[in-house]
């Protein structure tokens, strides 16, 4: 009978030693990458026909998409009833992990950021603006007015915080973790899976010709909604440009 406690103690020590010698789990960072949404079925004759383009619930992004297609040689009209082809664009952004943001519509985000840009002297850099990446600025400079998007990027971050109600505790979410002490899979706690999705529907009259777009995703500690949104938006617009060249 005396051997039982001894055996139990020995087993406990062995189990504890095994647990403490487990290799540390390594979380692999996933840089931003682009994914296809739907199928790029763009008629080649679209460039020579009247086209109407609109971004859902965003007058500012509708305006800049109109400019982008006009600069690309497309015949853009102001009303859908004047167009042979209609392109309706929408999108959303979401994040899960250290920063949790349910899917939010991009249209109001663009308008909020645009209004914030007009309301301030954008030549004076803010902390938020330093978060926009050079890569995102370069990618979008060919499509839009470079000065606009270079300065709008920081405001997108503020617009997301405003739209989701996290503006008051946003700094805490970036530098601290309100969930307390971590006991398991702690390496994941510094990461967020972030995704921006832009989707477009192409119509000829009442007939839907295609659904296409791009989604940009990343899994990393840095919070990069601007870069992902720009990647998805640019990829979607470029799908139309490429289709028109075929």
Protein backbone atom coordinates (compact mmCIF):
# COMPACT_ATOMS: atom_id res chain seq x y z
CA UNK A 1 0.00 0.00 0.00
CA UNK A 2 2.88 2.34 0.68
CA UNK A 3 4.09 2.04 -2.88
CA UNK A 4 0.96 3.68 -4.35
CA UNK A 5 1.70 7.27 -3.22
CA UNK A 6 5.27 6.88 -4.44
CA UNK A 7 4.11 5.73 -7.87
CA UNK A 8 1.62 8.61 -8.11
CA UNK A 9 4.28 11.17 -7.23
CA UNK A 10 6.67 9.68 -9.77
CA UNK A 11 4.05 9.77 -12.52
CA UNK A 12 3.14 13.36 -11.65
CA UNK A 13 6.77 14.42 -11.96
CA UNK A 14 7.12 12.62 -15.28
CA UNK A 15 3.95 14.21 -16.70
CA UNK A 16 4.96 17.68 -15.50
CA UNK A 17 8.42 17.27 -17.02
CA UNK A 18 6.92 16.23 -20.35
CA UNK A 19 4.59 19.25 -20.39
CA UNK A 20 7.36 21.69 -19.61
CA UNK A 21 9.61 20.33 -22.38
CA UNK A 22 7.05 20.71 -25.19
CA UNK A 23 8.45 22.78 -28.10
CA UNK A 24 7.25 26.36 -28.31
CA UNK A 25 4.49 26.87 -30.85
CA UNK A 26 5.51 29.19 -33.66
CA UNK A 27 2.85 31.30 -35.35
CA UNK A 28 3.54 31.90 -39.03
CA UNK A 29 2.86 35.40 -40.26
CA UNK A 30 0.98 35.71 -43.53
CA UNK A 31 1.81 38.87 -45.51
CA UNK A 32 -0.98 40.53 -47.48
CA UNK A 33 -2.04 38.51 -50.51
CA UNK A 34 -4.76 38.83 -53.16
CA UNK A 35 -7.49 36.33 -54.02
CA UNK A 36 -9.92 36.10 -56.92
CA UNK A 37 -13.64 36.69 -56.31
CA UNK A 38 -16.06 35.32 -58.89
CA UNK A 39 -15.06 35.15 -62.56
CA UNK A 40 -13.55 37.96 -64.66
CA UNK A 41 -15.91 37.87 -67.65
CA UNK A 42 -15.47 41.34 -69.13
CA UNK A 43 -16.55 41.95 -72.76
CA UNK A 44 -13.78 43.51 -74.82
CA UNK A 45 -16.19 46.04 -76.35
CA UNK A 46 -16.92 47.60 -72.94
CA UNK A 47 -14.29 50.27 -73.47
CA UNK A 48 -16.04 51.71 -76.52
CA UNK A 49 -19.55 51.67 -75.05
CA UNK A 50 -21.26 53.98 -72.52
CA UNK A 51 -20.52 52.73 -68.99
CA UNK A 52 -22.01 53.70 -65.64
CA UNK A 53 -20.09 52.83 -62.46
CA UNK A 54 -21.17 53.19 -58.84
CA UNK A 55 -19.78 52.18 -55.45
CA UNK A 56 -22.55 51.18 -53.06
CA UNK A 57 -23.38 53.85 -50.44
CA UNK A 58 -20.37 56.01 -51.29
CA UNK A 59 -20.55 59.19 -53.32
CA UNK A 60 -16.82 59.82 -52.86
CA UNK A 61 -15.66 56.42 -54.12
CA UNK A 62 -18.19 56.53 -56.97
CA UNK A 63 -16.66 59.85 -57.96
CA UNK A 64 -13.10 58.50 -57.89
CA UNK A 65 -14.01 55.29 -59.70
CA UNK A 66 -15.60 57.43 -62.38
CA UNK A 67 -12.37 59.39 -62.68
CA UNK A 68 -10.29 56.21 -62.77
CA UNK A 69 -12.26 54.70 -65.65
CA UNK A 70 -12.37 58.00 -67.50
CA UNK A 71 -8.59 58.29 -67.29
CA UNK A 72 -8.38 54.74 -68.56
CA UNK A 73 -10.22 55.69 -71.75
CA UNK A 74 -13.70 54.48 -70.85
CA UNK A 75 -16.82 56.35 -71.94
CA UNK A 76 -18.39 57.10 -68.55
CA UNK A 77 -21.95 58.43 -68.28
CA UNK A 78 -23.65 60.06 -65.29
CA UNK A 79 -26.83 57.97 -65.22
CA UNK A 80 -27.39 54.24 -65.51
CA UNK A 81 -30.19 54.68 -68.04
CA UNK A 82 -27.67 56.26 -70.44
CA UNK A 83 -25.32 53.28 -70.23
CA UNK A 84 -25.00 50.07 -72.16
CA UNK A 85 -22.97 48.53 -69.32
CA UNK A 86 -23.44 49.12 -65.60
CA UNK A 87 -20.81 48.23 -62.99
CA UNK A 88 -22.05 48.13 -59.39
CA UNK A 89 -19.27 47.82 -56.81
CA UNK A 90 -19.42 47.12 -53.07
CA UNK A 91 -17.13 45.86 -50.35
CA UNK A 92 -16.47 45.19 -46.70
CA UNK A 93 -13.62 44.85 -44.22
CA UNK A 94 -13.29 42.60 -41.17
CA UNK A 95 -10.71 41.56 -38.60
CA UNK A 96 -10.58 38.72 -36.09
CA UNK A 97 -7.97 38.16 -33.40
CA UNK A 98 -6.24 40.83 -31.34
CA UNK A 99 -8.47 43.39 -33.06
CA UNK A 100 -11.99 42.08 -33.61
CA UNK A 101 -14.10 43.96 -36.14
CA UNK A 102 -17.23 42.36 -37.62
CA UNK A 103 -17.77 42.82 -41.37
CA UNK A 104 -18.33 46.53 -42.03
CA UNK A 105 -19.43 48.11 -45.28
CA UNK A 106 -16.73 50.03 -47.14
CA UNK A 107 -19.00 52.64 -48.75
CA UNK A 108 -19.66 54.71 -45.60
CA UNK A 109 -16.01 54.24 -44.57
CA UNK A 110 -14.85 55.93 -47.78
CA UNK A 111 -17.28 58.82 -47.33
CA UNK A 112 -16.31 59.33 -43.68
CA UNK A 113 -12.62 59.33 -44.59
CA UNK A 114 -13.21 61.71 -47.48
CA UNK A 115 -15.13 64.12 -45.25
CA UNK A 116 -12.37 63.99 -42.63
CA UNK A 117 -9.82 64.72 -45.33
CA UNK A 118 -11.69 67.81 -46.49
CA UNK A 119 -12.18 69.03 -42.93
CA UNK A 120 -8.49 69.25 -42.07
CA UNK A 121 -5.20 70.46 -43.48
CA UNK A 122 -3.96 67.16 -44.84
CA UNK A 123 -0.45 68.54 -45.39
CA UNK A 124 0.17 68.07 -41.67
CA UNK A 125 0.86 64.39 -41.00
CA UNK A 126 -0.94 62.64 -38.15
CA UNK A 127 -0.11 59.46 -36.29
CA UNK A 128 -2.75 57.56 -38.23
CA UNK A 129 -1.34 58.65 -41.58
CA UNK A 130 2.03 57.15 -40.79
CA UNK A 131 0.37 53.72 -40.83
CA UNK A 132 -0.36 53.84 -44.56
CA UNK A 133 2.22 51.82 -46.49
CA UNK A 134 4.26 53.14 -49.36
CA UNK A 135 3.22 50.11 -51.38
CA UNK A 136 -0.44 50.95 -51.14
CA UNK A 137 0.22 54.54 -52.22
CA UNK A 138 2.19 53.45 -55.25
CA UNK A 139 -0.40 50.88 -56.33
CA UNK A 140 -3.28 53.31 -56.29
CA UNK A 141 -1.43 56.35 -57.61
CA UNK A 142 -1.91 55.16 -61.20
CA UNK A 143 -5.69 54.90 -60.75
CA UNK A 144 -6.65 57.94 -58.73
CA UNK A 145 -5.41 61.34 -57.81
CA UNK A 146 -2.27 60.40 -55.85
CA UNK A 147 -2.54 63.30 -53.43
CA UNK A 148 -6.05 62.30 -52.45
CA UNK A 149 -5.35 58.68 -51.64
CA UNK A 150 -1.97 59.34 -50.03
CA UNK A 151 -3.71 61.47 -47.44
CA UNK A 152 -6.99 59.58 -47.24
CA UNK A 153 -5.26 56.43 -45.94
CA UNK A 154 -4.89 57.57 -42.35
CA UNK A 155 -8.49 58.71 -42.28
CA UNK A 156 -9.66 55.23 -43.29
CA UNK A 157 -8.21 53.91 -40.05
CA UNK A 158 -10.12 56.55 -38.11
CA UNK A 159 -13.27 55.87 -40.10
CA UNK A 160 -13.16 52.18 -39.22
CA UNK A 161 -12.70 53.03 -35.54
CA UNK A 162 -15.62 55.47 -35.71
CA UNK A 163 -17.92 53.08 -37.58
CA UNK A 164 -17.30 50.19 -35.20
CA UNK A 165 -17.48 52.23 -32.00
CA UNK A 166 -13.94 51.34 -30.94
CA UNK A 167 -12.44 54.81 -31.35
CA UNK A 168 -12.28 55.44 -27.60
CA UNK A 169 -10.32 52.26 -26.89
CA UNK A 170 -8.47 51.86 -30.17
CA UNK A 171 -5.03 52.66 -28.74
CA UNK A 172 -5.54 50.06 -26.02
CA UNK A 173 -6.39 47.47 -28.65
CA UNK A 174 -3.19 48.25 -30.53
CA UNK A 175 -0.78 48.26 -27.58
CA UNK A 176 -2.48 46.17 -24.90
CA UNK A 177 -4.73 43.18 -24.46
CA UNK A 178 -7.82 43.48 -22.25
CA UNK A 179 -8.25 39.69 -22.09
CA UNK A 180 -5.78 39.27 -19.22
CA UNK A 181 -3.19 36.57 -18.60
CA UNK A 182 -2.67 34.06 -21.41
CA UNK A 183 -2.29 30.33 -20.62
CA UNK A 184 -2.45 28.67 -24.06
CA UNK A 185 -1.59 29.59 -27.67
CA UNK A 186 -0.33 32.94 -26.46
CA UNK A 187 1.60 33.66 -29.64
CA UNK A 188 -1.70 34.02 -31.53
CA UNK A 189 -2.85 36.86 -29.33
CA UNK A 190 -0.71 39.42 -31.09
CA UNK A 191 -2.12 38.49 -34.51
CA UNK A 192 -5.27 39.49 -36.38
CA UNK A 193 -6.69 37.87 -39.50
CA UNK A 194 -7.74 40.85 -41.59
CA UNK A 195 -9.64 40.77 -44.85
CA UNK A 196 -10.93 43.34 -47.33
CA UNK A 197 -13.28 42.24 -50.09
CA UNK A 198 -14.40 44.27 -53.09
CA UNK A 199 -17.03 42.79 -55.39
CA UNK A 200 -18.53 44.06 -58.63
CA UNK A 201 -21.54 43.10 -60.73
CA UNK A 202 -21.52 43.84 -64.44
CA UNK A 203 -24.84 44.31 -66.21
CA UNK A 204 -25.84 44.84 -69.81
CA UNK A 205 -29.33 46.22 -69.56
CA UNK A 206 -31.19 43.96 -67.12
CA UNK A 207 -28.89 40.99 -67.78
CA UNK A 208 -26.12 40.22 -65.29
CA UNK A 209 -22.99 39.33 -67.28
CA UNK A 210 -20.60 38.58 -64.45
CA UNK A 211 -19.69 38.84 -60.78
CA UNK A 212 -16.04 39.55 -60.15
CA UNK A 213 -13.68 41.19 -57.69
CA UNK A 214 -10.73 40.71 -55.38
CA UNK A 215 -10.19 39.93 -51.71
CA UNK A 216 -7.00 40.87 -49.85
CA UNK A 217 -6.11 39.05 -46.64
CA UNK A 218 -3.31 39.03 -44.07
CA UNK A 219 -2.53 37.36 -40.74
CA UNK A 220 -0.06 39.44 -38.77
CA UNK A 221 0.35 41.69 -35.72
CA UNK A 222 0.26 44.94 -37.70
CA UNK A 223 -3.21 46.35 -38.37
CA UNK A 224 -3.27 47.23 -42.09
CA UNK A 225 -6.85 47.90 -43.29
CA UNK A 226 -5.70 50.62 -45.68
CA UNK A 227 -3.30 48.36 -47.57
CA UNK A 228 -5.82 45.52 -47.84
CA UNK A 229 -8.66 47.79 -48.98
CA UNK A 230 -6.47 49.38 -51.65
CA UNK A 231 -5.25 45.99 -52.89
CA UNK A 232 -8.80 44.66 -53.25
CA UNK A 233 -10.08 47.85 -54.87
CA UNK A 234 -7.22 48.15 -57.33
CA UNK A 235 -7.42 44.48 -58.27
CA UNK A 236 -11.14 44.75 -59.01
CA UNK A 237 -10.73 47.81 -61.22
CA UNK A 238 -7.74 46.30 -63.01
CA UNK A 239 -9.88 43.27 -63.88
CA UNK A 240 -12.04 45.59 -66.00
CA UNK A 241 -8.98 47.21 -67.60
CA UNK A 242 -7.50 43.81 -68.45
CA UNK A 243 -10.81 42.54 -69.84
CA UNK A 244 -11.13 45.56 -72.11
CA UNK A 245 -7.66 44.89 -73.59
CA UNK A 246 -8.51 41.36 -74.74
